C-alpha atoms as a PDB file:
ATOM      1  CA  UNK A   1      94.310  58.323 -13.702  1.00  0.00           C
ATOM      2  CA  UNK A   2      93.864  54.588 -15.548  1.00  0.00           C
ATOM      3  CA  UNK A   3      93.042  53.364 -12.057  1.00  0.00           C
ATOM      4  CA  UNK A   4      90.197  56.117 -12.038  1.00  0.00           C
ATOM      5  CA  UNK A   5      89.143  55.604 -15.513  1.00  0.00           C
ATOM      6  CA  UNK A   6      88.792  51.793 -14.468  1.00  0.00           C
ATOM      7  CA  UNK A   7      86.299  52.759 -11.594  1.00  0.00           C
ATOM      8  CA  UNK A   8      84.381  55.049 -13.651  1.00  0.00           C
ATOM      9  CA  UNK A   9      83.889  52.585 -16.561  1.00  0.00           C
ATOM     10  CA  UNK A  10      82.086  50.021 -13.353  1.00  0.00           C
ATOM     11  CA  UNK A  11      79.855  52.215 -12.151  1.00  0.00           C
ATOM     12  CA  UNK A  12      78.919  53.059 -15.932  1.00  0.00           C
ATOM     13  CA  UNK A  13      78.115  49.227 -16.217  1.00  0.00           C
ATOM     14  CA  UNK A  14      76.266  49.016 -13.178  1.00  0.00           C
ATOM     15  CA  UNK A  15      74.120  52.354 -14.343  1.00  0.00           C
ATOM     16  CA  UNK A  16      73.105  50.755 -17.852  1.00  0.00           C
ATOM     17  CA  UNK A  17      72.108  47.184 -16.010  1.00  0.00           C
ATOM     18  CA  UNK A  18      69.812  49.197 -13.841  1.00  0.00           C
ATOM     19  CA  UNK A  19      67.970  51.119 -16.665  1.00  0.00           C
ATOM     20  CA  UNK A  20      67.626  47.861 -18.861  1.00  0.00           C
ATOM     21  CA  UNK A  21      65.307  46.299 -15.847  1.00  0.00           C
ATOM     22  CA  UNK A  22      63.707  49.143 -15.290  1.00  0.00           C
ATOM     23  CA  UNK A  23      63.072  49.139 -19.290  1.00  0.00           C
ATOM     24  CA  UNK A  24      61.779  45.742 -19.337  1.00  0.00           C
ATOM     25  CA  UNK A  25      59.701  45.882 -16.681  1.00  0.00           C
ATOM     26  CA  UNK A  26      57.712  48.892 -18.786  1.00  0.00           C
ATOM     27  CA  UNK A  27      57.314  46.497 -21.886  1.00  0.00           C
ATOM     28  CA  UNK A  28      54.489  44.352 -22.435  1.00  0.00           C
ATOM     29  CA  UNK A  29      56.175  41.064 -22.021  1.00  0.00           C
ATOM     30  CA  UNK A  30      57.633  42.532 -18.610  1.00  0.00           C
ATOM     31  CA  UNK A  31      53.650  43.570 -17.470  1.00  0.00           C
ATOM     32  CA  UNK A  32      52.856  40.176 -18.351  1.00  0.00           C
ATOM     33  CA  UNK A  33      55.429  38.436 -16.325  1.00  0.00           C
ATOM     34  CA  UNK A  34      54.766  40.618 -13.054  1.00  0.00           C
ATOM     35  CA  UNK A  35      51.017  39.774 -13.375  1.00  0.00           C
ATOM     36  CA  UNK A  36      51.761  35.980 -13.570  1.00  0.00           C
ATOM     37  CA  UNK A  37      53.831  36.563 -10.304  1.00  0.00           C
ATOM     38  CA  UNK A  38      51.090  38.505  -8.614  1.00  0.00           C
ATOM     39  CA  UNK A  39      48.449  36.286  -9.959  1.00  0.00           C
ATOM     40  CA  UNK A  40      45.498  35.381  -6.816  1.00  0.00           C
ATOM     41  CA  UNK A  41      44.989  31.413  -6.686  1.00  0.00           C
ATOM     42  CA  UNK A  42      42.300  29.706  -8.448  1.00  0.00           C
ATOM     43  CA  UNK A  43      38.766  29.602  -6.972  1.00  0.00           C
ATOM     44  CA  UNK A  44      38.000  26.776  -4.805  1.00  0.00           C
ATOM     45  CA  UNK A  45      34.859  24.322  -6.423  1.00  0.00           C
ATOM     46  CA  UNK A  46      31.689  24.835  -5.327  1.00  0.00           C
ATOM     47  CA  UNK A  47      30.604  22.559  -2.130  1.00  0.00           C
ATOM     48  CA  UNK A  48      28.616  18.789  -3.221  1.00  0.00           C
ATOM     49  CA  UNK A  49      24.897  19.100  -2.577  1.00  0.00           C
ATOM     50  CA  UNK A  50      24.392  17.300   1.024  1.00  0.00           C
ATOM     51  CA  UNK A  51      20.932  16.146   0.485  1.00  0.00           C
ATOM     52  CA  UNK A  52      19.807  12.947   1.373  1.00  0.00           C
ATOM     53  CA  UNK A  53      16.821  12.620  -0.953  1.00  0.00           C
ATOM     54  CA  UNK A  54      18.114  10.265  -3.718  1.00  0.00           C
ATOM     55  CA  UNK A  55      17.236  11.313  -6.972  1.00  0.00           C
ATOM     56  CA  UNK A  56      14.886   8.432  -7.543  1.00  0.00           C
ATOM     57  CA  UNK A  57      14.170   5.575  -5.668  1.00  0.00           C
ATOM     58  CA  UNK A  58      11.603   2.706  -4.672  1.00  0.00           C
ATOM     59  CA  UNK A  59      10.532   2.584  -1.234  1.00  0.00           C
ATOM     60  CA  UNK A  60       8.227   0.518   1.053  1.00  0.00           C
ATOM     61  CA  UNK A  61       7.042   1.414   4.796  1.00  0.00           C
ATOM     62  CA  UNK A  62       4.793   0.271   7.874  1.00  0.00           C
ATOM     63  CA  UNK A  63       3.538   2.241  10.474  1.00  0.00           C
ATOM     64  CA  UNK A  64      -0.073   3.444  12.129  1.00  0.00           C
ATOM     65  CA  UNK A  65      -2.694   5.565  11.083  1.00  0.00           C
ATOM     66  CA  UNK A  66      -5.512   7.665  13.079  1.00  0.00           C
ATOM     67  CA  UNK A  67      -8.672   7.376  11.680  1.00  0.00           C
ATOM     68  CA  UNK A  68     -12.090   9.752  11.943  1.00  0.00           C
ATOM     69  CA  UNK A  69     -14.736   7.823  10.050  1.00  0.00           C
ATOM     70  CA  UNK A  70     -17.878   9.809   9.440  1.00  0.00           C
ATOM     71  CA  UNK A  71     -21.130   7.494   8.180  1.00  0.00           C
ATOM     72  CA  UNK A  72     -22.992   9.404   6.058  1.00  0.00           C
ATOM     73  CA  UNK A  73     -26.126   9.399   3.797  1.00  0.00           C
ATOM     74  CA  UNK A  74     -27.034   5.758   5.964  1.00  0.00           C
ATOM     75  CA  UNK A  75     -30.437   4.655   5.186  1.00  0.00           C
ATOM     76  CA  UNK A  76     -32.079   1.222   6.311  1.00  0.00           C
ATOM     77  CA  UNK A  77     -34.809  -0.092   4.530  1.00  0.00           C
ATOM     78  CA  UNK A  78     -37.196  -3.150   5.663  1.00  0.00           C
ATOM     79  CA  UNK A  79     -40.240  -4.693   4.038  1.00  0.00           C
ATOM     80  CA  UNK A  80     -42.458  -8.042   4.245  1.00  0.00           C
ATOM     81  CA  UNK A  81     -44.630  -9.920   1.302  1.00  0.00           C
ATOM     82  CA  UNK A  82     -46.841 -12.677   2.395  1.00  0.00           C
ATOM     83  CA  UNK A  83     -49.235 -14.997   1.278  1.00  0.00           C
ATOM     84  CA  UNK A  84     -52.339 -15.263   4.076  1.00  0.00           C
ATOM     85  CA  UNK A  85     -53.497 -19.164   4.219  1.00  0.00           C
ATOM     86  CA  UNK A  86     -56.585 -20.245   6.724  1.00  0.00           C
ATOM     87  CA  UNK A  87     -56.467 -24.131   6.589  1.00  0.00           C
ATOM     88  CA  UNK A  88     -53.924 -24.566   3.983  1.00  0.00           C
ATOM     89  CA  UNK A  89     -55.714 -22.344   1.681  1.00  0.00           C
ATOM     90  CA  UNK A  90     -55.031 -19.302   0.256  1.00  0.00           C
ATOM     91  CA  UNK A  91     -57.192 -16.404   0.883  1.00  0.00           C
ATOM     92  CA  UNK A  92     -55.381 -13.587   0.656  1.00  0.00           C
ATOM     93  CA  UNK A  93     -51.991 -11.661   0.504  1.00  0.00           C
ATOM     94  CA  UNK A  94     -49.891  -9.025   3.051  1.00  0.00           C
ATOM     95  CA  UNK A  95     -47.639  -6.105   2.201  1.00  0.00           C
ATOM     96  CA  UNK A  96     -45.662  -3.666   4.691  1.00  0.00           C
ATOM     97  CA  UNK A  97     -42.482  -1.586   3.985  1.00  0.00           C
ATOM     98  CA  UNK A  98     -40.717   1.366   5.180  1.00  0.00           C
ATOM     99  CA  UNK A  99     -37.165   3.123   6.118  1.00  0.00           C
ATOM    100  CA  UNK A 100     -35.331   4.758   8.716  1.00  0.00           C
ATOM    101  CA  UNK A 101     -32.013   6.569   9.037  1.00  0.00           C
ATOM    102  CA  UNK A 102     -29.920   4.864  11.768  1.00  0.00           C
ATOM    103  CA  UNK A 103     -28.322   7.853  12.710  1.00  0.00           C
ATOM    104  CA  UNK A 104     -24.608   7.287  12.495  1.00  0.00           C
ATOM    105  CA  UNK A 105     -22.088   9.488  13.735  1.00  0.00           C
ATOM    106  CA  UNK A 106     -18.337   9.818  13.385  1.00  0.00           C
ATOM    107  CA  UNK A 107     -16.297   7.010  15.194  1.00  0.00           C
ATOM    108  CA  UNK A 108     -12.425   6.718  15.725  1.00  0.00           C
ATOM    109  CA  UNK A 109     -10.145   3.902  15.387  1.00  0.00           C
ATOM    110  CA  UNK A 110      -6.136   3.218  15.639  1.00  0.00           C
ATOM    111  CA  UNK A 111      -5.054   0.785  12.394  1.00  0.00           C
ATOM    112  CA  UNK A 112      -1.774  -0.498  11.090  1.00  0.00           C
ATOM    113  CA  UNK A 113      -0.738   0.722   7.342  1.00  0.00           C
ATOM    114  CA  UNK A 114       1.553  -0.641   4.494  1.00  0.00           C
ATOM    115  CA  UNK A 115       2.690   1.462   1.780  1.00  0.00           C
ATOM    116  CA  UNK A 116       5.059   1.090  -1.082  1.00  0.00           C
ATOM    117  CA  UNK A 117       5.714   3.354  -4.215  1.00  0.00           C
ATOM    118  CA  UNK A 118       8.563   5.055  -6.045  1.00  0.00           C
ATOM    119  CA  UNK A 119       9.460   8.909  -6.705  1.00  0.00           C
ATOM    120  CA  UNK A 120      11.639  10.566  -9.127  1.00  0.00           C
ATOM    121  CA  UNK A 121      13.183  14.007  -9.335  1.00  0.00           C
ATOM    122  CA  UNK A 122      12.492  15.831 -12.514  1.00  0.00           C
ATOM    123  CA  UNK A 123      15.417  16.713 -14.431  1.00  0.00           C
ATOM    124  CA  UNK A 124      17.979  19.171 -12.935  1.00  0.00           C
ATOM    125  CA  UNK A 125      14.945  20.095 -10.248  1.00  0.00           C
ATOM    126  CA  UNK A 126      14.333  20.206  -6.547  1.00  0.00           C
ATOM    127  CA  UNK A 127      10.812  19.367  -8.025  1.00  0.00           C
ATOM    128  CA  UNK A 128       9.416  15.351  -8.186  1.00  0.00           C
ATOM    129  CA  UNK A 129       6.490  13.394  -8.874  1.00  0.00           C
ATOM    130  CA  UNK A 130       5.704   9.786  -7.460  1.00  0.00           C
ATOM    131  CA  UNK A 131       2.913   7.436  -6.571  1.00  0.00           C
ATOM    132  CA  UNK A 132       2.027   5.178  -3.706  1.00  0.00           C
ATOM    133  CA  UNK A 133      -0.019   2.315  -2.957  1.00  0.00           C
ATOM    134  CA  UNK A 134      -1.207   2.343   0.352  1.00  0.00           C
ATOM    135  CA  UNK A 135      -3.623  -0.488   2.585  1.00  0.00           C
ATOM    136  CA  UNK A 136      -5.176   1.314   5.818  1.00  0.00           C
ATOM    137  CA  UNK A 137      -7.252  -1.574   7.879  1.00  0.00           C
ATOM    138  CA  UNK A 138      -9.440   0.903   9.138  1.00  0.00           C
ATOM    139  CA  UNK A 139     -11.746  -1.358  11.382  1.00  0.00           C
ATOM    140  CA  UNK A 140     -14.397   1.457  11.856  1.00  0.00           C
ATOM    141  CA  UNK A 141     -17.985   0.710  12.543  1.00  0.00           C
ATOM    142  CA  UNK A 142     -20.788   2.334  13.795  1.00  0.00           C
ATOM    143  CA  UNK A 143     -23.689   0.484  15.481  1.00  0.00           C
ATOM    144  CA  UNK A 144     -26.962   1.109  17.150  1.00  0.00           C
ATOM    145  CA  UNK A 145     -29.627  -0.906  18.963  1.00  0.00           C
ATOM    146  CA  UNK A 146     -32.103  -1.881  19.416  1.00  0.00           C
ATOM    147  CA  UNK A 147     -33.476  -0.296  16.198  1.00  0.00           C
ATOM    148  CA  UNK A 148     -37.222  -0.063  14.814  1.00  0.00           C
ATOM    149  CA  UNK A 149     -37.557   0.770  11.190  1.00  0.00           C
ATOM    150  CA  UNK A 150     -41.602   1.583  10.969  1.00  0.00           C
ATOM    151  CA  UNK A 151     -43.695  -0.221   8.527  1.00  0.00           C
ATOM    152  CA  UNK A 152     -47.221   0.847   6.907  1.00  0.00           C
ATOM    153  CA  UNK A 153     -49.072  -1.929   4.311  1.00  0.00           C
ATOM    154  CA  UNK A 154     -52.361  -3.511   4.060  1.00  0.00           C
ATOM    155  CA  UNK A 155     -53.889  -6.888   3.418  1.00  0.00           C
ATOM    156  CA  UNK A 156     -56.407  -8.568   1.473  1.00  0.00           C
ATOM    157  CA  UNK A 157     -58.669 -11.412   2.167  1.00  0.00           C
ATOM    158  CA  UNK A 158     -62.012 -11.710   3.094  1.00  0.00           C
ATOM    159  CA  UNK A 159     -61.665  -8.401   5.548  1.00  0.00           C
ATOM    160  CA  UNK A 160     -59.068  -6.394   3.868  1.00  0.00           C
ATOM    161  CA  UNK A 161     -57.536  -3.822   5.736  1.00  0.00           C
ATOM    162  CA  UNK A 162     -54.501  -1.187   6.327  1.00  0.00           C
ATOM    163  CA  UNK A 163     -51.996  -1.962   9.379  1.00  0.00           C
ATOM    164  CA  UNK A 164     -48.997  -0.064  10.716  1.00  0.00           C
ATOM    165  CA  UNK A 165     -46.074  -2.061  12.049  1.00  0.00           C
ATOM    166  CA  UNK A 166     -42.357  -2.165  12.996  1.00  0.00           C
ATOM    167  CA  UNK A 167     -39.795  -4.354  11.642  1.00  0.00           C
ATOM    168  CA  UNK A 168     -37.412  -4.597  15.051  1.00  0.00           C
ATOM    169  CA  UNK A 169     -33.533  -5.389  15.314  1.00  0.00           C
ATOM    170  CA  UNK A 170     -31.510  -5.915  18.319  1.00  0.00           C
ATOM    171  CA  UNK A 171     -28.580  -3.994  16.658  1.00  0.00           C
ATOM    172  CA  UNK A 172     -27.515  -2.449  13.240  1.00  0.00           C
ATOM    173  CA  UNK A 173     -24.134  -1.810  12.106  1.00  0.00           C
ATOM    174  CA  UNK A 174     -21.813  -0.248   9.253  1.00  0.00           C
ATOM    175  CA  UNK A 175     -18.387  -0.789   8.788  1.00  0.00           C
ATOM    176  CA  UNK A 176     -15.494  -0.064   6.706  1.00  0.00           C
ATOM    177  CA  UNK A 177     -12.378  -2.227   7.139  1.00  0.00           C
ATOM    178  CA  UNK A 178      -9.990  -2.681   4.055  1.00  0.00           C
ATOM    179  CA  UNK A 179      -8.983   0.128   2.407  1.00  0.00           C
ATOM    180  CA  UNK A 180      -6.697   0.315  -0.845  1.00  0.00           C
ATOM    181  CA  UNK A 181      -5.365   3.917  -2.166  1.00  0.00           C
ATOM    182  CA  UNK A 182      -3.374   4.228  -5.712  1.00  0.00           C
ATOM    183  CA  UNK A 183      -2.160   7.497  -5.144  1.00  0.00           C
ATOM    184  CA  UNK A 184       0.383  10.134  -7.423  1.00  0.00           C
ATOM    185  CA  UNK A 185       1.841  13.122  -6.390  1.00  0.00           C
ATOM    186  CA  UNK A 186       3.690  16.099  -6.763  1.00  0.00           C
ATOM    187  CA  UNK A 187       6.607  17.360  -4.776  1.00  0.00           C
ATOM    188  CA  UNK A 188       9.533  19.180  -3.581  1.00  0.00           C
ATOM    189  CA  UNK A 189      12.769  17.885  -2.047  1.00  0.00           C
ATOM    190  CA  UNK A 190      14.991  19.668   0.456  1.00  0.00           C
ATOM    191  CA  UNK A 191      18.037  18.634   2.013  1.00  0.00           C
ATOM    192  CA  UNK A 192      16.068  16.825   4.684  1.00  0.00           C
ATOM    193  CA  UNK A 193      13.081  15.128   3.067  1.00  0.00           C
ATOM    194  CA  UNK A 194      10.621  16.619   1.049  1.00  0.00           C
ATOM    195  CA  UNK A 195       6.723  17.462   1.096  1.00  0.00           C
ATOM    196  CA  UNK A 196       4.186  16.108  -1.575  1.00  0.00           C
ATOM    197  CA  UNK A 197       0.785  16.558  -2.493  1.00  0.00           C
ATOM    198  CA  UNK A 198      -1.493  14.290  -4.438  1.00  0.00           C
ATOM    199  CA  UNK A 199      -4.904  12.624  -5.294  1.00  0.00           C
ATOM    200  CA  UNK A 200      -6.325   9.474  -6.572  1.00  0.00           C
ATOM    201  CA  UNK A 201      -9.103   6.346  -6.218  1.00  0.00           C
ATOM    202  CA  UNK A 202      -9.777   4.030  -3.257  1.00  0.00           C
ATOM    203  CA  UNK A 203     -11.136   1.054  -2.906  1.00  0.00           C
ATOM    204  CA  UNK A 204     -12.819   0.067   0.384  1.00  0.00           C
ATOM    205  CA  UNK A 205     -14.648  -2.800   1.697  1.00  0.00           C
ATOM    206  CA  UNK A 206     -17.836  -2.358   3.612  1.00  0.00           C
ATOM    207  CA  UNK A 207     -20.086  -4.331   5.440  1.00  0.00           C
ATOM    208  CA  UNK A 208     -23.534  -3.638   7.062  1.00  0.00           C
ATOM    209  CA  UNK A 209     -25.168  -6.442   9.836  1.00  0.00           C
ATOM    210  CA  UNK A 210     -28.592  -6.328  10.410  1.00  0.00           C
ATOM    211  CA  UNK A 211     -29.136  -9.084  13.679  1.00  0.00           C
ATOM    212  CA  UNK A 212     -31.904 -10.668  15.595  1.00  0.00           C
ATOM    213  CA  UNK A 213     -34.329  -9.175  13.619  1.00  0.00           C
ATOM    214  CA  UNK A 214     -38.672  -9.390  13.919  1.00  0.00           C
ATOM    215  CA  UNK A 215     -41.563  -7.890  12.091  1.00  0.00           C
ATOM    216  CA  UNK A 216     -44.412  -6.899  13.652  1.00  0.00           C
ATOM    217  CA  UNK A 217     -47.637  -5.905  12.841  1.00  0.00           C
ATOM    218  CA  UNK A 218     -50.579  -3.776  14.430  1.00  0.00           C
ATOM    219  CA  UNK A 219     -53.921  -5.007  13.267  1.00  0.00           C
ATOM    220  CA  UNK A 220     -57.133  -3.654  14.524  1.00  0.00           C
ATOM    221  CA  UNK A 221     -55.108  -2.697  17.882  1.00  0.00           C
ATOM    222  CA  UNK A 222     -53.540  -5.795  18.380  1.00  0.00           C
ATOM    223  CA  UNK A 223     -49.876  -6.456  18.284  1.00  0.00           C
ATOM    224  CA  UNK A 224     -49.004  -9.477  16.304  1.00  0.00           C
ATOM    225  CA  UNK A 225     -45.740 -11.078  15.401  1.00  0.00           C
ATOM    226  CA  UNK A 226     -45.599 -11.388  11.676  1.00  0.00           C
ATOM    227  CA  UNK A 227     -42.347 -13.310  11.093  1.00  0.00           C
ATOM    228  CA  UNK A 228     -41.294 -15.703  13.984  1.00  0.00           C
ATOM    229  CA  UNK A 229     -37.890 -16.092  15.229  1.00  0.00           C
ATOM    230  CA  UNK A 230     -35.387 -13.503  14.837  1.00  0.00           C
ATOM    231  CA  UNK A 231     -32.891 -13.862  12.255  1.00  0.00           C
ATOM    232  CA  UNK A 232     -29.827 -12.056  11.087  1.00  0.00           C
ATOM    233  CA  UNK A 233     -29.045 -10.433   7.611  1.00  0.00           C
ATOM    234  CA  UNK A 234     -25.465  -8.934   6.467  1.00  0.00           C
ATOM    235  CA  UNK A 235     -23.608  -7.936   3.399  1.00  0.00           C
ATOM    236  CA  UNK A 236     -20.835  -6.596   2.163  1.00  0.00           C
ATOM    237  CA  UNK A 237     -19.001  -5.296  -0.829  1.00  0.00           C
ATOM    238  CA  UNK A 238     -16.071  -3.443  -2.559  1.00  0.00           C
ATOM    239  CA  UNK A 239     -16.987   0.320  -2.942  1.00  0.00           C
ATOM    240  CA  UNK A 240     -14.760   2.705  -5.430  1.00  0.00           C
ATOM    241  CA  UNK A 241     -13.848   5.894  -3.867  1.00  0.00           C
ATOM    242  CA  UNK A 242     -11.553   8.855  -3.809  1.00  0.00           C
ATOM    243  CA  UNK A 243      -8.505  10.345  -1.727  1.00  0.00           C
ATOM    244  CA  UNK A 244      -6.364  13.372  -1.424  1.00  0.00           C
ATOM    245  CA  UNK A 245      -3.163  13.763   0.470  1.00  0.00           C
ATOM    246  CA  UNK A 246      -0.672  16.070   1.913  1.00  0.00           C
ATOM    247  CA  UNK A 247       2.613  14.980   3.551  1.00  0.00           C
ATOM    248  CA  UNK A 248       6.108  15.331   4.396  1.00  0.00           C
ATOM    249  CA  UNK A 249       9.261  12.767   4.875  1.00  0.00           C
ATOM    250  CA  UNK A 250      12.102  13.216   6.902  1.00  0.00           C
ATOM    251  CA  UNK A 251      15.224  10.894   5.954  1.00  0.00           C
ATOM    252  CA  UNK A 252      17.153   9.440   8.647  1.00  0.00           C
ATOM    253  CA  UNK A 253      19.674   8.398   6.794  1.00  0.00           C
ATOM    254  CA  UNK A 254      20.161   7.881   2.330  1.00  0.00           C
ATOM    255  CA  UNK A 255      18.333   4.456   2.826  1.00  0.00           C
ATOM    256  CA  UNK A 256      15.433   5.015   5.498  1.00  0.00           C
ATOM    257  CA  UNK A 257      12.880   7.662   6.388  1.00  0.00           C
ATOM    258  CA  UNK A 258       9.795   8.594   8.051  1.00  0.00           C
ATOM    259  CA  UNK A 259       7.029   9.342   5.981  1.00  0.00           C
ATOM    260  CA  UNK A 260       3.853  11.749   8.382  1.00  0.00           C
ATOM    261  CA  UNK A 261       0.783  12.097   6.136  1.00  0.00           C
ATOM    262  CA  UNK A 262      -2.742  13.407   6.080  1.00  0.00           C
ATOM    263  CA  UNK A 263      -5.592  12.085   4.234  1.00  0.00           C
ATOM    264  CA  UNK A 264      -9.113  12.808   3.329  1.00  0.00           C
ATOM    265  CA  UNK A 265     -11.191   9.814   1.609  1.00  0.00           C
ATOM    266  CA  UNK A 266     -14.397   9.213   0.692  1.00  0.00           C
ATOM    267  CA  UNK A 267     -16.270   6.127  -0.830  1.00  0.00           C
ATOM    268  CA  UNK A 268     -19.499   6.295  -3.108  1.00  0.00           C
ATOM    269  CA  UNK A 269     -22.518   5.604  -2.078  1.00  0.00           C
ATOM    270  CA  UNK A 270     -23.891   1.885  -1.692  1.00  0.00           C
ATOM    271  CA  UNK A 271     -26.975  -0.158  -1.833  1.00  0.00           C
ATOM    272  CA  UNK A 272     -26.695  -3.569  -1.163  1.00  0.00           C
ATOM    273  CA  UNK A 273     -30.070  -6.202  -0.323  1.00  0.00           C
ATOM    274  CA  UNK A 274     -31.223  -8.860   1.940  1.00  0.00           C
ATOM    275  CA  UNK A 275     -33.802 -11.136   2.255  1.00  0.00           C
ATOM    276  CA  UNK A 276     -34.980 -14.149   4.287  1.00  0.00           C
ATOM    277  CA  UNK A 277     -38.000 -16.297   4.106  1.00  0.00           C
ATOM    278  CA  UNK A 278     -40.440 -16.553   7.267  1.00  0.00           C
ATOM    279  CA  UNK A 279     -43.696 -18.733   8.004  1.00  0.00           C
ATOM    280  CA  UNK A 280     -45.821 -18.288  11.414  1.00  0.00           C
ATOM    281  CA  UNK A 281     -49.603 -18.916  12.296  1.00  0.00           C
ATOM    282  CA  UNK A 282     -49.363 -15.966  14.978  1.00  0.00           C
ATOM    283  CA  UNK A 283     -52.875 -14.717  13.615  1.00  0.00           C
ATOM    284  CA  UNK A 284     -54.939 -17.332  15.335  1.00  0.00           C
ATOM    285  CA  UNK A 285     -55.630 -19.764  12.642  1.00  0.00           C
ATOM    286  CA  UNK A 286     -54.466 -17.494   9.742  1.00  0.00           C
ATOM    287  CA  UNK A 287     -50.777 -18.552   8.336  1.00  0.00           C
ATOM    288  CA  UNK A 288     -48.352 -16.042   6.674  1.00  0.00           C
ATOM    289  CA  UNK A 289     -45.855 -17.320   4.484  1.00  0.00           C
ATOM    290  CA  UNK A 290     -43.533 -14.647   3.067  1.00  0.00           C
ATOM    291  CA  UNK A 291     -40.453 -12.845   2.775  1.00  0.00           C
ATOM    292  CA  UNK A 292     -38.441  -9.830   4.865  1.00  0.00           C
ATOM    293  CA  UNK A 293     -36.041  -8.542   2.366  1.00  0.00           C
ATOM    294  CA  UNK A 294     -34.812  -4.439   2.157  1.00  0.00           C
ATOM    295  CA  UNK A 295     -31.835  -2.588   1.501  1.00  0.00           C
ATOM    296  CA  UNK A 296     -28.897  -1.114   3.405  1.00  0.00           C
ATOM    297  CA  UNK A 297     -27.188   1.765   1.851  1.00  0.00           C
ATOM    298  CA  UNK A 298     -24.845   4.991   2.543  1.00  0.00           C
ATOM    299  CA  UNK A 299     -21.454   5.952   2.332  1.00  0.00           C
ATOM    300  CA  UNK A 300     -18.592   7.127   4.632  1.00  0.00           C
ATOM    301  CA  UNK A 301     -15.580   9.544   4.837  1.00  0.00           C
ATOM    302  CA  UNK A 302     -12.481   9.161   6.673  1.00  0.00           C
ATOM    303  CA  UNK A 303      -9.813  11.611   7.610  1.00  0.00           C
ATOM    304  CA  UNK A 304      -6.639  10.118   8.687  1.00  0.00           C
ATOM    305  CA  UNK A 305      -2.777  10.769   9.832  1.00  0.00           C
ATOM    306  CA  UNK A 306      -0.683   8.109   9.397  1.00  0.00           C
ATOM    307  CA  UNK A 307       2.958   7.772  10.430  1.00  0.00           C
ATOM    308  CA  UNK A 308       5.510   5.179   9.039  1.00  0.00           C
ATOM    309  CA  UNK A 309       9.176   4.053   8.606  1.00  0.00           C
ATOM    310  CA  UNK A 310      10.329   3.680   4.998  1.00  0.00           C
ATOM    311  CA  UNK A 311      13.112   1.967   3.376  1.00  0.00           C
ATOM    312  CA  UNK A 312      14.507   3.177   0.315  1.00  0.00           C
ATOM    313  CA  UNK A 313      15.633   0.909  -2.512  1.00  0.00           C
END
């Protein structure tokens, strides 16, 4: 009887312990413990950016450009002014002038180019701003020859008359060689590089050459060489212009990138003068002493495709 009571007491103790565990699981503290035990692992950190484009950088590069230059608004003006003498005594004066369009078209060149610049992202943005200075040796030249500049004029003296003629040159050329551009730009960056668009001023050197020049006059049906020996004239100047550019870069590493761009550049219209003395006795005892002068004028526009390799600092 006592052994049986002992067994009943043990079973009752086990039952009380099981009920206590069940009740504890239903309490708020117990639920919190269960939640902690079954909590999911912490979320992984977001991946870091893989872009090779730095937040900001200076750069310098070198490459080549393919250029198509159109020479527009070209005009060649020539005039002669002289004193007419006979036996050393002035007896009259002569004048003639006129102009011609040399009819230049579009010329092509491949040239070397260098650039340096800086870019920087706007804060917490894929957009960026920058500026670059580019030197492009265009070396583009338009040439024609022989070329005749029509003249009309008159002379005074014992037998005053009007006349026509030509100032004839063996060749005439217009050239654009050294060109600098300073272009601010805006762009958007990606993992591989950035694209950009900009506009800014340019400074270009232009040159004109008028070679083997002789002035002729047709007086009373006779063709006279008024200026004598052939002469050469040239003039050069720096001209301000403007440029728009669009381009894209591709970063090979954090330190090197390739830049491919297209630009359209125009120069302002420039006009440069030339002059040279002459003296002849071509007209049978009459001496013509004077100055052959004139102006070279024109403008140009250039489309360029440039590719360069650049180092980032």
